[in-house]
Amino acid sequence: MFFEKILLLVSLLLLLFSPSNAMAYIGPGMGLSAIGTVVAFTGAILLAIVGFVWYPLKRLLAKRKTKNK
């Protein structure tokens, strides 16, 4: 009796979490928007990293230049 309930519960969970076909169509406009979003997000991350590196480096170089004069 207990084993049958566990088997039923496991079967239901497997059925619940099993993937199924979505049968959805993504048109070319949505595809281009998705690609544009990924490119923009990647560019923003790269520019943020460059900004965090370049600004302190620029200040260091300016400080060195004024120190040498």
PDB file of N, CA and C in Angstrom:
ATOM      1  N   MET A   1       0.815  -1.188   0.000  1.00  0.00           N
ATOM      2  CA  MET A   1       0.000   0.000   0.000  1.00  0.00           C
ATOM      3  C   MET A   1       0.867   1.263   0.000  1.00  0.00           C
ATOM      4  N   PHE A   2       1.845   1.333   0.901  1.00  0.00           N
ATOM      5  CA  PHE A   2       2.737   2.493   0.998  1.00  0.00           C
ATOM      6  C   PHE A   2       3.577   2.630  -0.273  1.00  0.00           C
ATOM      7  N   PHE A   3       4.060   1.493  -0.778  1.00  0.00           N
ATOM      8  CA  PHE A   3       4.886   1.483  -1.981  1.00  0.00           C
ATOM      9  C   PHE A   3       4.094   2.004  -3.180  1.00  0.00           C
ATOM     10  N   GLU A   4       2.806   1.661  -3.262  1.00  0.00           N
ATOM     11  CA  GLU A   4       1.975   2.118  -4.375  1.00  0.00           C
ATOM     12  C   GLU A   4       1.782   3.640  -4.337  1.00  0.00           C
ATOM     13  N   LYS A   5       1.636   4.195  -3.147  1.00  0.00           N
ATOM     14  CA  LYS A   5       1.492   5.651  -3.022  1.00  0.00           C
ATOM     15  C   LYS A   5       2.774   6.369  -3.428  1.00  0.00           C
ATOM     16  N   ILE A   6       3.914   5.824  -3.005  1.00  0.00           N
ATOM     17  CA  ILE A   6       5.204   6.418  -3.389  1.00  0.00           C
ATOM     18  C   ILE A   6       5.393   6.338  -4.897  1.00  0.00           C
ATOM     19  N   LEU A   7       5.056   5.193  -5.483  1.00  0.00           N
ATOM     20  CA  LEU A   7       5.183   5.011  -6.930  1.00  0.00           C
ATOM     21  C   LEU A   7       4.266   5.980  -7.673  1.00  0.00           C
ATOM     22  N   LEU A   8       3.059   6.174  -7.183  1.00  0.00           N
ATOM     23  CA  LEU A   8       2.131   7.123  -7.787  1.00  0.00           C
ATOM     24  C   LEU A   8       2.658   8.554  -7.684  1.00  0.00           C
ATOM     25  N   LEU A   9       3.194   8.922  -6.533  1.00  0.00           N
ATOM     26  CA  LEU A   9       3.738  10.255  -6.335  1.00  0.00           C
ATOM     27  C   LEU A   9       4.935  10.505  -7.250  1.00  0.00           C
ATOM     28  N   VAL A  10       5.834   9.541  -7.349  1.00  0.00           N
ATOM     29  CA  VAL A  10       7.001   9.683  -8.230  1.00  0.00           C
ATOM     30  C   VAL A  10       6.559   9.774  -9.682  1.00  0.00           C
ATOM     31  N   SER A  11       5.580   8.976 -10.071  1.00  0.00           N
ATOM     32  CA  SER A  11       5.070   9.012 -11.442  1.00  0.00           C
ATOM     33  C   SER A  11       4.453  10.374 -11.763  1.00  0.00           C
ATOM     34  N   LEU A  12       3.680  10.909 -10.837  1.00  0.00           N
ATOM     35  CA  LEU A  12       3.074  12.219 -11.058  1.00  0.00           C
ATOM     36  C   LEU A  12       4.124  13.326 -11.139  1.00  0.00           C
ATOM     37  N   LEU A  13       5.144  13.253 -10.290  1.00  0.00           N
ATOM     38  CA  LEU A  13       6.205  14.260 -10.339  1.00  0.00           C
ATOM     39  C   LEU A  13       6.988  14.178 -11.639  1.00  0.00           C
ATOM     40  N   LEU A  14       7.276  12.970 -12.094  1.00  0.00           N
ATOM     41  CA  LEU A  14       7.973  12.818 -13.372  1.00  0.00           C
ATOM     42  C   LEU A  14       7.122  13.347 -14.524  1.00  0.00           C
ATOM     43  N   LEU A  15       5.843  13.087 -14.489  1.00  0.00           N
ATOM     44  CA  LEU A  15       4.949  13.581 -15.528  1.00  0.00           C
ATOM     45  C   LEU A  15       4.853  15.103 -15.486  1.00  0.00           C
ATOM     46  N   LEU A  16       4.831  15.646 -14.288  1.00  0.00           N
ATOM     47  CA  LEU A  16       4.727  17.098 -14.131  1.00  0.00           C
ATOM     48  C   LEU A  16       5.975  17.815 -14.649  1.00  0.00           C
ATOM     49  N   PHE A  17       7.152  17.256 -14.398  1.00  0.00           N
ATOM     50  CA  PHE A  17       8.397  17.923 -14.775  1.00  0.00           C
ATOM     51  C   PHE A  17       8.956  17.467 -16.111  1.00  0.00           C
ATOM     52  N   SER A  18       8.255  16.624 -16.836  1.00  0.00           N
ATOM     53  CA  SER A  18       8.750  16.191 -18.139  1.00  0.00           C
ATOM     54  C   SER A  18       8.481  17.289 -19.172  1.00  0.00           C
ATOM     55  N   PRO A  19       9.434  17.524 -20.055  1.00  0.00           N
ATOM     56  CA  PRO A  19       9.248  18.587 -21.050  1.00  0.00           C
ATOM     57  C   PRO A  19       8.238  18.178 -22.123  1.00  0.00           C
ATOM     58  N   SER A  20       7.593  19.173 -22.663  1.00  0.00           N
ATOM     59  CA  SER A  20       6.672  18.926 -23.765  1.00  0.00           C
ATOM     60  C   SER A  20       6.925  19.975 -24.842  1.00  0.00           C
ATOM     61  N   ASN A  21       6.433  19.728 -26.019  1.00  0.00           N
ATOM     62  CA  ASN A  21       6.626  20.668 -27.116  1.00  0.00           C
ATOM     63  C   ASN A  21       5.775  21.907 -26.895  1.00  0.00           C
ATOM     64  N   ALA A  22       6.358  23.067 -27.146  1.00  0.00           N
ATOM     65  CA  ALA A  22       5.627  24.315 -26.960  1.00  0.00           C
ATOM     66  C   ALA A  22       4.790  24.656 -28.184  1.00  0.00           C
ATOM     67  N   MET A  23       5.217  24.197 -29.359  1.00  0.00           N
ATOM     68  CA  MET A  23       4.521  24.494 -30.614  1.00  0.00           C
ATOM     69  C   MET A  23       4.344  26.005 -30.781  1.00  0.00           C
ATOM     70  N   ALA A  24       5.407  26.754 -30.484  1.00  0.00           N
ATOM     71  CA  ALA A  24       5.363  28.206 -30.577  1.00  0.00           C
ATOM     72  C   ALA A  24       6.223  28.660 -31.748  1.00  0.00           C
ATOM     73  N   TYR A  25       5.849  29.751 -32.350  1.00  0.00           N
ATOM     74  CA  TYR A  25       6.593  30.314 -33.466  1.00  0.00           C
ATOM     75  C   TYR A  25       7.189  31.645 -33.033  1.00  0.00           C
ATOM     76  N   ILE A  26       8.480  31.773 -33.236  1.00  0.00           N
ATOM     77  CA  ILE A  26       9.146  33.043 -32.967  1.00  0.00           C
ATOM     78  C   ILE A  26       9.482  33.645 -34.323  1.00  0.00           C
ATOM     79  N   GLY A  27       8.878  34.748 -34.633  1.00  0.00           N
ATOM     80  CA  GLY A  27       9.074  35.376 -35.927  1.00  0.00           C
ATOM     81  C   GLY A  27      10.434  36.040 -36.031  1.00  0.00           C
ATOM     82  N   PRO A  28      10.772  36.494 -37.227  1.00  0.00           N
ATOM     83  CA  PRO A  28      12.083  37.118 -37.431  1.00  0.00           C
ATOM     84  C   PRO A  28      12.260  38.401 -36.627  1.00  0.00           C
ATOM     85  N   GLY A  29      11.199  39.141 -36.382  1.00  0.00           N
ATOM     86  CA  GLY A  29      11.307  40.361 -35.588  1.00  0.00           C
ATOM     87  C   GLY A  29      11.696  40.054 -34.157  1.00  0.00           C
ATOM     88  N   MET A  30      11.109  39.030 -33.590  1.00  0.00           N
ATOM     89  CA  MET A  30      11.436  38.649 -32.218  1.00  0.00           C
ATOM     90  C   MET A  30      12.845  38.078 -32.143  1.00  0.00           C
ATOM     91  N   GLY A  31      13.245  37.340 -33.160  1.00  0.00           N
ATOM     92  CA  GLY A  31      14.605  36.791 -33.186  1.00  0.00           C
ATOM     93  C   GLY A  31      15.641  37.902 -33.236  1.00  0.00           C
ATOM     94  N   LEU A  32      15.408  38.899 -34.086  1.00  0.00           N
ATOM     95  CA  LEU A  32      16.341  40.023 -34.169  1.00  0.00           C
ATOM     96  C   LEU A  32      16.356  40.831 -32.879  1.00  0.00           C
ATOM     97  N   SER A  33      15.215  40.956 -32.248  1.00  0.00           N
ATOM     98  CA  SER A  33      15.164  41.667 -30.964  1.00  0.00           C
ATOM     99  C   SER A  33      15.949  40.919 -29.897  1.00  0.00           C
ATOM    100  N   ALA A  34      15.842  39.605 -29.894  1.00  0.00           N
ATOM    101  CA  ALA A  34      16.579  38.803 -28.916  1.00  0.00           C
ATOM    102  C   ALA A  34      18.080  38.911 -29.155  1.00  0.00           C
ATOM    103  N   ILE A  35      18.488  38.850 -30.405  1.00  0.00           N
ATOM    104  CA  ILE A  35      19.912  38.979 -30.729  1.00  0.00           C
ATOM    105  C   ILE A  35      20.408  40.375 -30.355  1.00  0.00           C
ATOM    106  N   GLY A  36      19.629  41.399 -30.666  1.00  0.00           N
ATOM    107  CA  GLY A  36      20.005  42.768 -30.315  1.00  0.00           C
ATOM    108  C   GLY A  36      20.124  42.967 -28.818  1.00  0.00           C
ATOM    109  N   THR A  37      19.243  42.338 -28.064  1.00  0.00           N
ATOM    110  CA  THR A  37      19.299  42.440 -26.612  1.00  0.00           C
ATOM    111  C   THR A  37      20.566  41.804 -26.061  1.00  0.00           C
ATOM    112  N   VAL A  38      20.905  40.641 -26.586  1.00  0.00           N
ATOM    113  CA  VAL A  38      22.120  39.956 -26.130  1.00  0.00           C
ATOM    114  C   VAL A  38      23.357  40.777 -26.481  1.00  0.00           C
ATOM    115  N   VAL A  39      23.404  41.326 -27.687  1.00  0.00           N
ATOM    116  CA  VAL A  39      24.553  42.140 -28.098  1.00  0.00           C
ATOM    117  C   VAL A  39      24.649  43.407 -27.237  1.00  0.00           C
ATOM    118  N   ALA A  40      23.534  44.057 -26.979  1.00  0.00           N
ATOM    119  CA  ALA A  40      23.546  45.279 -26.165  1.00  0.00           C
ATOM    120  C   ALA A  40      23.961  44.983 -24.723  1.00  0.00           C
ATOM    121  N   PHE A  41      23.461  43.895 -24.166  1.00  0.00           N
ATOM    122  CA  PHE A  41      23.816  43.527 -22.796  1.00  0.00           C
ATOM    123  C   PHE A  41      25.297  43.192 -22.693  1.00  0.00           C
ATOM    124  N   THR A  42      25.816  42.446 -23.665  1.00  0.00           N
ATOM    125  CA  THR A  42      27.242  42.105 -23.674  1.00  0.00           C
ATOM    126  C   THR A  42      28.090  43.365 -23.818  1.00  0.00           C
ATOM    127  N   GLY A  43      27.687  44.258 -24.711  1.00  0.00           N
ATOM    128  CA  GLY A  43      28.421  45.508 -24.883  1.00  0.00           C
ATOM    129  C   GLY A  43      28.410  46.361 -23.629  1.00  0.00           C
ATOM    130  N   ALA A  44      27.271  46.415 -22.947  1.00  0.00           N
ATOM    131  CA  ALA A  44      27.186  47.198 -21.714  1.00  0.00           C
ATOM    132  C   ALA A  44      28.097  46.633 -20.632  1.00  0.00           C
ATOM    133  N   ILE A  45      28.138  45.318 -20.514  1.00  0.00           N
ATOM    134  CA  ILE A  45      29.013  44.689 -19.525  1.00  0.00           C
ATOM    135  C   ILE A  45      30.475  44.967 -19.858  1.00  0.00           C
ATOM    136  N   LEU A  46      30.842  44.819 -21.125  1.00  0.00           N
ATOM    137  CA  LEU A  46      32.236  45.078 -21.523  1.00  0.00           C
ATOM    138  C   LEU A  46      32.627  46.539 -21.312  1.00  0.00           C
ATOM    139  N   LEU A  47      31.737  47.462 -21.659  1.00  0.00           N
ATOM    140  CA  LEU A  47      32.042  48.873 -21.451  1.00  0.00           C
ATOM    141  C   LEU A  47      32.123  49.229 -19.967  1.00  0.00           C
ATOM    142  N   ALA A  48      31.327  48.576 -19.143  1.00  0.00           N
ATOM    143  CA  ALA A  48      31.416  48.812 -17.700  1.00  0.00           C
ATOM    144  C   ALA A  48      32.764  48.328 -17.167  1.00  0.00           C
ATOM    145  N   ILE A  49      33.211  47.177 -17.633  1.00  0.00           N
ATOM    146  CA  ILE A  49      34.514  46.664 -17.199  1.00  0.00           C
ATOM    147  C   ILE A  49      35.630  47.596 -17.658  1.00  0.00           C
ATOM    148  N   VAL A  50      35.573  48.034 -18.914  1.00  0.00           N
ATOM    149  CA  VAL A  50      36.586  48.958 -19.437  1.00  0.00           C
ATOM    150  C   VAL A  50      36.565  50.261 -18.655  1.00  0.00           C
ATOM    151  N   GLY A  51      35.360  50.750 -18.321  1.00  0.00           N
ATOM    152  CA  GLY A  51      35.250  51.988 -17.550  1.00  0.00           C
ATOM    153  C   GLY A  51      35.867  51.858 -16.166  1.00  0.00           C
ATOM    154  N   PHE A  52      35.643  50.729 -15.523  1.00  0.00           N
ATOM    155  CA  PHE A  52      36.204  50.526 -14.189  1.00  0.00           C
ATOM    156  C   PHE A  52      37.717  50.393 -14.222  1.00  0.00           C
ATOM    157  N   VAL A  53      38.255  49.935 -15.327  1.00  0.00           N
ATOM    158  CA  VAL A  53      39.709  49.811 -15.442  1.00  0.00           C
ATOM    159  C   VAL A  53      40.322  51.118 -15.947  1.00  0.00           C
ATOM    160  N   TRP A  54      39.690  51.754 -16.943  1.00  0.00           N
ATOM    161  CA  TRP A  54      40.283  52.916 -17.597  1.00  0.00           C
ATOM    162  C   TRP A  54      40.305  54.158 -16.699  1.00  0.00           C
ATOM    163  N   TYR A  55      39.262  54.425 -15.967  1.00  0.00           N
ATOM    164  CA  TYR A  55      39.204  55.650 -15.173  1.00  0.00           C
ATOM    165  C   TYR A  55      40.310  55.714 -14.114  1.00  0.00           C
ATOM    166  N   PRO A  56      40.520  54.680 -13.313  1.00  0.00           N
ATOM    167  CA  PRO A  56      41.633  54.757 -12.355  1.00  0.00           C
ATOM    168  C   PRO A  56      42.996  54.817 -13.044  1.00  0.00           C
ATOM    169  N   LEU A  57      43.115  54.127 -14.176  1.00  0.00           N
ATOM    170  CA  LEU A  57      44.379  54.170 -14.919  1.00  0.00           C
ATOM    171  C   LEU A  57      44.636  55.574 -15.463  1.00  0.00           C
ATOM    172  N   LYS A  58      43.597  56.227 -15.949  1.00  0.00           N
ATOM    173  CA  LYS A  58      43.713  57.592 -16.463  1.00  0.00           C
ATOM    174  C   LYS A  58      44.121  58.558 -15.342  1.00  0.00           C
ATOM    175  N   ARG A  59      43.519  58.400 -14.166  1.00  0.00           N
ATOM    176  CA  ARG A  59      43.886  59.255 -13.031  1.00  0.00           C
ATOM    177  C   ARG A  59      45.330  59.016 -12.606  1.00  0.00           C
ATOM    178  N   LEU A  60      45.756  57.767 -12.622  1.00  0.00           N
ATOM    179  CA  LEU A  60      47.128  57.430 -12.252  1.00  0.00           C
ATOM    180  C   LEU A  60      48.114  58.055 -13.230  1.00  0.00           C
ATOM    181  N   LEU A  61      47.807  57.951 -14.523  1.00  0.00           N
ATOM    182  CA  LEU A  61      48.693  58.542 -15.529  1.00  0.00           C
ATOM    183  C   LEU A  61      48.727  60.063 -15.413  1.00  0.00           C
ATOM    184  N   ALA A  62      47.605  60.699 -15.150  1.00  0.00           N
ATOM    185  CA  ALA A  62      47.568  62.156 -14.989  1.00  0.00           C
ATOM    186  C   ALA A  62      48.349  62.576 -13.745  1.00  0.00           C
ATOM    187  N   LYS A  63      48.244  61.826 -12.694  1.00  0.00           N
ATOM    188  CA  LYS A  63      48.973  62.127 -11.461  1.00  0.00           C
ATOM    189  C   LYS A  63      50.473  61.996 -11.695  1.00  0.00           C
ATOM    190  N   ARG A  64      50.871  60.987 -12.441  1.00  0.00           N
ATOM    191  CA  ARG A  64      52.290  60.791 -12.764  1.00  0.00           C
ATOM    192  C   ARG A  64      52.825  61.938 -13.617  1.00  0.00           C
ATOM    193  N   LYS A  65      52.004  62.368 -14.565  1.00  0.00           N
ATOM    194  CA  LYS A  65      52.412  63.434 -15.468  1.00  0.00           C
ATOM    195  C   LYS A  65      52.627  64.746 -14.706  1.00  0.00           C
ATOM    196  N   THR A  66      51.718  65.060 -13.785  1.00  0.00           N
ATOM    197  CA  THR A  66      51.868  66.292 -13.010  1.00  0.00           C
ATOM    198  C   THR A  66      53.017  66.166 -12.009  1.00  0.00           C
ATOM    199  N   LYS A  67      53.280  64.971 -11.547  1.00  0.00           N
ATOM    200  CA  LYS A  67      54.388  64.770 -10.611  1.00  0.00           C
ATOM    201  C   LYS A  67      55.737  64.954 -11.304  1.00  0.00           C
ATOM    202  N   ASN A  68      55.851  64.552 -12.556  1.00  0.00           N
ATOM    203  CA  ASN A  68      57.096  64.692 -13.313  1.00  0.00           C
ATOM    204  C   ASN A  68      57.374  66.139 -13.686  1.00  0.00           C
ATOM    205  N   LYS A  69      56.359  66.950 -13.826  1.00  0.00           N
ATOM    206  CA  LYS A  69      56.563  68.365 -14.202  1.00  0.00           C
ATOM    207  C   LYS A  69      56.968  69.104 -12.977  1.00  0.00           C
TER     208      LYS A  69
END
